[in-house]
Amino acid sequence: MSTRQHHIEVRGLPIEVVRKDIKNLHVGVYPPQGRIRVAAPLRINDEALRLAIISRLSWIRRQQAHFTDQERQSQREFVNGESHFFQGRRYRLNVVKHDGPAYVHLSNNRTIQLFVGHQTDRNKHEEAFQQWYRQTLQKQIPHLLAKWRAKVGVTVNEVRIRRMKTRWGSCNAHAGRIWLNLELAKKSPVCLEYILVHEMVHLLERGHNERFRSLMDTVMPNWRLFRKELNRAPLAHEKWKY
């Protein structure tokens, strides 16, 4: 599918426009700052596109107001007493200095223990946390792939995990490879499942068009509820997109 991307401004609002070989126009407003993205058919010129956006301005502003009102989690410093999220729950961090290698332990329903060396700094603390998050996600993926492979009807050759500033997931249809955002470890497990299925469906349909939504409705009827949970406060300080 051929695509062309550019930006326009409509009544002071910056709009990201992606033109594709699709039938219908789709307007999306994404957290945390209410970024506006329009997927438009190739046949629609900018003037017609502006009129279509103006007709949706009330809805767009309501969505942006909703994101503005949500709580956001500031950048973490990985110090005693700080709050951290894991699988959708908030925990209090307890930093423990010791002589061994750095690691993270979930001690109870309220506290995460971070064991680090005596001379370590914030970056080392974060590195240990990132490794723990990565290992947690990696343990969940094989079961989820086995669960959804037949339902979606695709073969996933590889799933990798990395930090992404603007996406929860991405895929390479040619290679059968899926990337998942490391930050999903902070979200409820249904969010990880939703994003994995989302990207698996993208192996069948690259766009967010009617066919994509129909496929999602078929394999995961409650996907809109899971998307809402994914974007529910608190949002991270980064600019996530879904």
Protein backbone atom coordinates (compact mmCIF):
# COMPACT_ATOMS: atom_id res chain seq x y z
CA MET A 1 0.00 0.00 0.00
CA SER A 2 1.47 3.36 -1.05
CA THR A 3 1.52 6.13 1.57
CA ARG A 4 2.35 9.83 1.61
CA GLN A 5 2.77 11.87 4.77
CA HIS A 6 2.71 15.62 5.39
CA HIS A 7 1.36 18.20 7.87
CA ILE A 8 -1.31 20.88 7.63
CA GLU A 9 -2.84 23.32 10.10
CA VAL A 10 -6.57 23.71 10.65
CA ARG A 11 -7.75 26.58 12.87
CA GLY A 12 -4.50 26.59 14.80
CA LEU A 13 -4.32 22.82 15.20
CA PRO A 14 -1.36 20.93 13.68
CA ILE A 15 -2.56 17.87 11.77
CA GLU A 16 -0.44 14.91 10.70
CA VAL A 17 -1.84 13.63 7.39
CA VAL A 18 -1.07 10.18 6.01
CA ARG A 19 -2.50 9.56 2.55
CA LYS A 20 -3.12 5.92 1.70
CA ASP A 21 -4.89 3.79 -0.86
CA ILE A 22 -7.98 3.48 1.35
CA LYS A 23 -11.68 4.21 0.87
CA ASN A 24 -12.60 6.23 3.96
CA LEU A 25 -11.05 9.01 6.03
CA HIS A 26 -10.10 8.24 9.65
CA VAL A 27 -9.31 10.85 12.31
CA GLY A 28 -7.43 9.84 15.46
CA VAL A 29 -6.52 11.83 18.58
CA TYR A 30 -3.72 10.31 20.62
CA PRO A 31 -2.43 10.72 24.19
CA PRO A 32 -0.83 12.24 26.06
CA GLN A 33 -1.01 15.64 24.36
CA GLY A 34 -3.89 15.10 21.95
CA ARG A 35 -1.83 14.73 18.77
CA ILE A 36 -4.12 14.62 15.71
CA ARG A 37 -3.46 12.13 12.93
CA VAL A 38 -5.61 11.73 9.82
CA ALA A 39 -5.48 8.74 7.47
CA ALA A 40 -6.96 10.01 4.21
CA PRO A 41 -7.75 8.43 0.82
CA LEU A 42 -5.43 9.49 -1.99
CA ARG A 43 -8.29 11.08 -3.90
CA ILE A 44 -9.10 13.69 -1.19
CA ASN A 45 -7.32 17.03 -1.66
CA ASP A 46 -6.24 19.29 1.20
CA GLU A 47 -9.26 21.59 0.92
CA ALA A 48 -11.72 18.70 1.26
CA LEU A 49 -9.57 17.35 4.06
CA ARG A 50 -9.74 20.67 5.95
CA LEU A 51 -13.54 20.71 5.66
CA ALA A 52 -13.73 17.15 6.98
CA ILE A 53 -11.53 18.05 9.97
CA ILE A 54 -13.57 21.21 10.71
CA SER A 55 -16.72 19.11 10.83
CA ARG A 56 -15.06 16.98 13.52
CA LEU A 57 -13.52 19.81 15.57
CA SER A 58 -15.92 19.48 18.50
CA TRP A 59 -15.10 15.78 18.86
CA ILE A 60 -11.36 16.45 18.46
CA ARG A 61 -11.36 19.10 21.20
CA ARG A 62 -13.30 16.83 23.56
CA GLN A 63 -10.71 14.10 23.09
CA GLN A 64 -7.85 16.53 23.67
CA ALA A 65 -9.50 17.86 26.83
CA HIS A 66 -9.84 14.31 28.12
CA PHE A 67 -6.10 13.68 27.72
CA THR A 68 -5.20 17.04 29.26
CA ASP A 69 -7.17 16.19 32.41
CA GLN A 70 -5.39 12.88 32.92
CA GLU A 71 -2.65 12.44 35.50
CA ARG A 72 0.85 11.86 34.17
CA GLN A 73 3.71 10.18 35.93
CA SER A 74 6.84 12.32 35.98
CA GLN A 75 10.25 10.91 35.18
CA ARG A 76 11.38 8.51 37.91
CA GLU A 77 14.53 8.98 40.00
CA PHE A 78 14.59 5.43 41.49
CA VAL A 79 14.91 6.51 45.12
CA ASN A 80 13.32 5.30 48.36
CA GLY A 81 9.62 6.00 48.70
CA GLU A 82 9.05 6.70 45.02
CA SER A 83 6.02 5.12 43.35
CA HIS A 84 6.44 2.74 40.42
CA PHE A 85 3.95 0.81 38.34
CA PHE A 86 4.08 -2.88 37.52
CA GLN A 87 1.33 -4.78 35.67
CA GLY A 88 -1.16 -2.01 36.29
CA ARG A 89 -0.56 -1.61 40.03
CA ARG A 90 1.26 1.09 41.96
CA TYR A 91 4.12 0.05 44.27
CA ARG A 92 6.38 1.85 46.70
CA LEU A 93 10.09 1.51 45.94
CA ASN A 94 12.51 0.39 48.62
CA VAL A 95 16.18 0.71 47.61
CA VAL A 96 18.49 -1.75 49.40
CA LYS A 97 22.28 -1.39 49.22
CA HIS A 98 24.15 -4.69 49.18
CA ASP A 99 27.38 -6.31 47.97
CA GLY A 100 25.92 -8.46 45.19
CA PRO A 101 24.67 -7.75 41.65
CA ALA A 102 21.69 -5.47 41.08
CA TYR A 103 18.24 -7.06 40.90
CA VAL A 104 14.58 -6.33 41.58
CA HIS A 105 12.27 -8.31 43.86
CA LEU A 106 8.51 -7.94 44.27
CA SER A 107 8.26 -8.48 48.00
CA ASN A 108 4.51 -7.97 48.51
CA ASN A 109 1.43 -6.23 47.08
CA ARG A 110 2.75 -2.79 48.06
CA THR A 111 6.54 -2.80 47.80
CA ILE A 112 9.18 -3.36 45.12
CA GLN A 113 12.67 -4.03 46.48
CA LEU A 114 15.57 -2.75 44.37
CA PHE A 115 18.88 -4.31 45.42
CA VAL A 116 21.91 -2.37 44.17
CA GLY A 117 25.59 -1.94 44.92
CA HIS A 118 26.81 0.66 47.41
CA GLN A 119 28.32 2.97 44.77
CA THR A 120 25.57 2.79 42.13
CA ASP A 121 23.75 5.84 40.77
CA ARG A 122 20.34 6.57 39.28
CA ASN A 123 21.29 5.19 35.86
CA LYS A 124 22.31 1.84 37.34
CA HIS A 125 19.08 1.72 39.32
CA GLU A 126 17.06 2.35 36.17
CA GLU A 127 19.07 -0.24 34.27
CA ALA A 128 18.20 -2.91 36.85
CA PHE A 129 14.53 -1.95 36.65
CA GLN A 130 14.56 -2.07 32.84
CA GLN A 131 16.10 -5.53 32.91
CA TRP A 132 13.43 -6.74 35.32
CA TYR A 133 10.66 -5.30 33.16
CA ARG A 134 12.18 -6.92 30.06
CA GLN A 135 12.46 -10.34 31.68
CA THR A 136 8.86 -10.12 32.89
CA LEU A 137 7.55 -9.37 29.41
CA GLN A 138 9.71 -12.04 27.80
CA LYS A 139 8.23 -14.68 30.11
CA GLN A 140 4.67 -13.76 29.09
CA ILE A 141 5.15 -13.66 25.33
CA PRO A 142 5.43 -17.40 24.45
CA HIS A 143 2.11 -18.21 26.14
CA LEU A 144 0.36 -15.27 24.47
CA LEU A 145 1.73 -16.17 21.03
CA ALA A 146 0.53 -19.75 21.46
CA LYS A 147 -2.90 -18.48 22.51
CA TRP A 148 -3.39 -16.05 19.62
CA ARG A 149 -1.48 -17.59 16.71
CA ALA A 150 -4.38 -19.74 15.50
CA LYS A 151 -7.04 -17.15 16.34
CA VAL A 152 -5.38 -14.43 14.28
CA GLY A 153 -4.09 -16.82 11.65
CA VAL A 154 -0.54 -15.52 11.33
CA THR A 155 2.93 -16.78 12.11
CA VAL A 156 5.15 -14.50 14.16
CA ASN A 157 8.80 -15.24 13.56
CA GLU A 158 10.16 -13.05 16.32
CA VAL A 159 9.04 -10.71 19.11
CA ARG A 160 11.54 -8.15 20.40
CA ILE A 161 11.25 -5.65 23.24
CA ARG A 162 12.64 -2.14 23.25
CA ARG A 163 11.89 1.32 24.60
CA MET A 164 9.83 3.41 22.20
CA LYS A 165 8.93 7.05 22.74
CA THR A 166 5.89 7.28 20.47
CA ARG A 167 4.46 3.79 20.02
CA TRP A 168 3.29 0.89 22.16
CA GLY A 169 4.22 -1.55 19.42
CA SER A 170 5.25 -1.92 15.80
CA CYS A 171 5.79 -4.68 13.28
CA ASN A 172 7.61 -5.67 10.12
CA ALA A 173 5.15 -7.67 8.03
CA HIS A 174 7.81 -8.86 5.59
CA ALA A 175 9.99 -10.32 8.35
CA GLY A 176 7.08 -11.44 10.55
CA ARG A 177 8.68 -9.50 13.40
CA ILE A 178 6.91 -7.60 16.19
CA TRP A 179 8.37 -4.97 18.51
CA LEU A 180 6.77 -4.30 21.90
CA ASN A 181 7.38 -1.26 24.08
CA LEU A 182 9.21 -2.07 27.30
CA GLU A 183 6.82 0.27 29.14
CA LEU A 184 4.04 -2.30 28.69
CA ALA A 185 5.45 -4.00 31.78
CA LYS A 186 3.93 -1.14 33.78
CA LYS A 187 0.46 -1.70 32.35
CA SER A 188 -2.20 -4.28 33.12
CA PRO A 189 -1.47 -7.65 31.44
CA VAL A 190 -4.53 -7.18 29.18
CA CYS A 191 -2.72 -4.19 27.65
CA LEU A 192 0.25 -6.33 26.65
CA GLU A 193 -2.14 -8.88 25.18
CA TYR A 194 -4.05 -6.19 23.27
CA ILE A 195 -0.91 -4.66 21.74
CA LEU A 196 0.48 -8.06 20.75
CA VAL A 197 -2.80 -8.96 19.01
CA HIS A 198 -2.94 -5.46 17.47
CA GLU A 199 0.46 -5.97 15.87
CA MET A 200 -0.34 -9.55 14.83
CA VAL A 201 -3.39 -8.23 12.97
CA HIS A 202 -1.13 -5.64 11.32
CA LEU A 203 0.73 -8.56 9.74
CA LEU A 204 -2.52 -9.13 7.82
CA GLU A 205 -3.53 -5.48 7.34
CA ARG A 206 -1.03 -2.63 7.58
CA GLY A 207 -3.50 0.24 7.95
CA HIS A 208 -5.96 1.22 10.66
CA ASN A 209 -8.81 0.94 8.19
CA GLU A 210 -12.19 -0.81 8.15
CA ARG A 211 -10.61 -4.17 7.38
CA PHE A 212 -8.22 -3.81 10.31
CA ARG A 213 -11.05 -2.93 12.70
CA SER A 214 -13.16 -5.78 11.37
CA LEU A 215 -10.33 -8.24 11.95
CA MET A 216 -9.83 -6.92 15.48
CA ASP A 217 -13.58 -7.24 16.15
CA THR A 218 -13.44 -10.85 15.01
CA VAL A 219 -10.40 -12.05 16.96
CA MET A 220 -10.69 -9.78 20.03
CA PRO A 221 -14.22 -8.33 20.38
CA ASN A 222 -13.32 -6.33 23.52
CA TRP A 223 -10.24 -4.68 22.03
CA ARG A 224 -11.66 -1.15 22.40
CA LEU A 225 -12.02 -1.67 26.15
CA PHE A 226 -8.42 -2.86 26.34
CA ARG A 227 -7.28 0.17 24.33
CA LYS A 228 -9.10 2.42 26.78
CA GLU A 229 -7.35 0.68 29.67
CA LEU A 230 -4.00 1.14 27.92
CA ASN A 231 -4.52 4.89 27.62
CA ARG A 232 -5.99 5.29 31.10
CA ALA A 233 -4.22 7.53 33.62
CA PRO A 234 -1.59 7.73 34.79
CA LEU A 235 0.09 8.24 31.46
CA ALA A 236 3.84 8.21 31.25
CA HIS A 237 5.77 11.42 30.63
CA GLU A 238 6.71 10.12 27.19
CA LYS A 239 4.41 10.67 24.18
CA TRP A 240 2.72 7.32 23.71
CA LYS A 241 0.57 6.69 20.68
CA TYR A 242 -2.38 4.27 20.36
